[in-house]
Structures are given as C-alpha cells and as structure tokens.
Protein backbone atom coordinates (compact mmCIF):
# COMPACT_ATOMS: atom_id res chain seq x y z
CA UNK A 1 15.74 -7.50 7.57
CA UNK A 2 12.54 -8.16 9.46
CA UNK A 3 9.41 -7.33 7.49
CA UNK A 4 6.83 -8.38 10.03
CA UNK A 5 3.12 -8.44 9.25
CA UNK A 6 2.73 -5.34 11.41
CA UNK A 7 5.21 -3.31 9.37
CA UNK A 8 3.71 -4.33 6.02
CA UNK A 9 0.23 -3.61 7.38
CA UNK A 10 1.34 -0.13 8.46
CA UNK A 11 2.84 0.50 5.02
CA UNK A 12 -0.44 -0.37 3.30
CA UNK A 13 -2.48 1.66 5.78
CA UNK A 14 -0.20 4.67 5.39
CA UNK A 15 -0.55 4.54 1.59
CA UNK A 16 -4.33 4.40 1.91
CA UNK A 17 -4.39 7.35 4.33
CA UNK A 18 -1.93 9.35 2.22
CA UNK A 19 -4.28 9.06 -0.75
CA UNK A 20 -7.49 9.49 1.24
CA UNK A 21 -8.71 6.01 0.31
CA UNK A 22 -11.09 4.31 2.75
CA UNK A 23 -11.64 0.56 2.99
CA UNK A 24 -14.97 1.09 1.20
CA UNK A 25 -13.15 2.94 -1.58
CA UNK A 26 -10.67 0.07 -1.77
CA UNK A 27 -13.52 -2.46 -2.18
CA UNK A 28 -14.83 -0.38 -5.09
CA UNK A 29 -11.42 0.11 -6.74
CA UNK A 30 -10.54 -3.58 -6.47
CA UNK A 31 -14.00 -4.46 -7.85
CA UNK A 32 -13.31 -2.29 -10.90
CA UNK A 33 -10.35 -4.59 -11.61
CA UNK A 34 -12.45 -7.73 -11.15
CA UNK A 35 -11.12 -8.47 -7.66
CA UNK A 36 -14.12 -9.17 -5.47
CA UNK A 37 -13.66 -8.37 -1.78
CA UNK A 38 -16.09 -7.27 0.89
CA UNK A 39 -15.62 -4.36 3.25
CA UNK A 40 -15.35 -6.73 6.20
CA UNK A 41 -12.82 -9.00 4.46
CA UNK A 42 -10.57 -6.05 3.63
CA UNK A 43 -10.90 -4.59 7.12
CA UNK A 44 -10.05 -7.96 8.63
CA UNK A 45 -7.06 -8.63 6.36
CA UNK A 46 -5.56 -5.21 6.94
CA UNK A 47 -6.15 -5.18 10.70
CA UNK A 48 -4.53 -8.62 11.08
CA UNK A 49 -1.78 -7.82 8.61
CA UNK A 50 -2.13 -11.30 7.17
CA UNK A 51 -2.59 -10.87 3.47
CA UNK A 52 -0.80 -12.21 0.43
CA UNK A 53 1.79 -10.35 -1.57
CA UNK A 54 -0.70 -10.43 -4.45
CA UNK A 55 -3.35 -8.65 -2.37
CA UNK A 56 -0.76 -6.11 -1.21
CA UNK A 57 0.35 -5.35 -4.77
CA UNK A 58 -3.24 -5.26 -6.07
CA UNK A 59 -4.14 -2.69 -3.40
CA UNK A 60 -1.11 -0.53 -4.16
CA UNK A 61 -1.85 -0.71 -7.87
CA UNK A 62 -5.52 0.32 -7.66
CA UNK A 63 -4.74 3.28 -5.39
CA UNK A 64 -2.08 4.52 -7.80
CA UNK A 65 1.05 3.68 -5.82
CA UNK A 66 3.62 2.77 -8.44
CA UNK A 67 6.78 2.85 -6.35
CA UNK A 68 7.77 1.94 -2.81
CA UNK A 69 11.22 2.00 -1.33
CA UNK A 70 12.29 -0.51 1.29
CA UNK A 71 15.32 0.63 3.21
CA UNK A 72 17.59 -1.40 5.44
CA UNK A 73 16.45 -0.39 8.90
CA UNK A 74 17.17 -0.49 12.59
CA UNK A 75 14.24 1.63 13.80
CA UNK A 76 10.64 0.56 14.38
CA UNK A 77 9.48 1.48 10.90
CA UNK A 78 11.69 2.29 7.98
CA UNK A 79 9.45 1.46 5.08
CA UNK A 80 9.27 4.54 2.90
CA UNK A 81 6.61 5.00 0.27
CA UNK A 82 6.63 7.23 -2.75
CA UNK A 83 5.90 10.93 -2.34
CA UNK A 84 2.70 12.46 -3.71
CA UNK A 85 4.65 14.90 -5.88
CA UNK A 86 5.67 14.25 -9.47
CA UNK A 87 9.29 13.46 -10.15
CA UNK A 88 11.28 16.03 -12.06
CA UNK A 89 13.72 14.60 -14.56
CA UNK A 90 16.78 16.61 -15.49
CA UNK A 91 18.03 16.13 -19.01
CA UNK A 92 21.72 16.47 -19.75
CA UNK A 93 22.27 18.93 -22.53
C-alpha cells in the first residue's frame, strides 16, 4: 500500500471540509488542547502534506473524527473517512 503525503493530506483536508472546519478554526481547537500552532504553520503543513502522525491524529481528534477506515486500494484515492451520521447498533434479542 502506498500512503503518500498527498493522499494523507487529502484525507485530512476532506475531514476538515466535511466538518466545516477552517485552518483558523483548527488553530483555535488545537490551542484549546494546549497545542500551539499558527495559522501559517498549519496552512504550510497541510499544503505540503509533510506532518507527523501525531499532528494528524491531534487534528482528527479535535475536529471530532473518531474513526477512519483505510482500505486496500488500486485507485487514486481510497482512503475512506467516517460518515457524519450516527451508527445504529442492532441488539440481538
């Protein structure tokens, strides 16, 4: 599997867009968790796609993304993120 910087960058960007979170919002949300970043540092990291796994997970956490699914792929992008809807659990009776 090839998880290039570009694919991981697109996954993070898609999660931000899906939730309506701007880079400025991300600066604020990270700051609330004690992670100090500037708008320009976040913009730069995301546009380059060169960020640590810690930064990636911190971003997903503060925007409320609790699950991502990475599928084996052959297409350009097959990283699938969680849906916005709540999961319905069926109980066996």
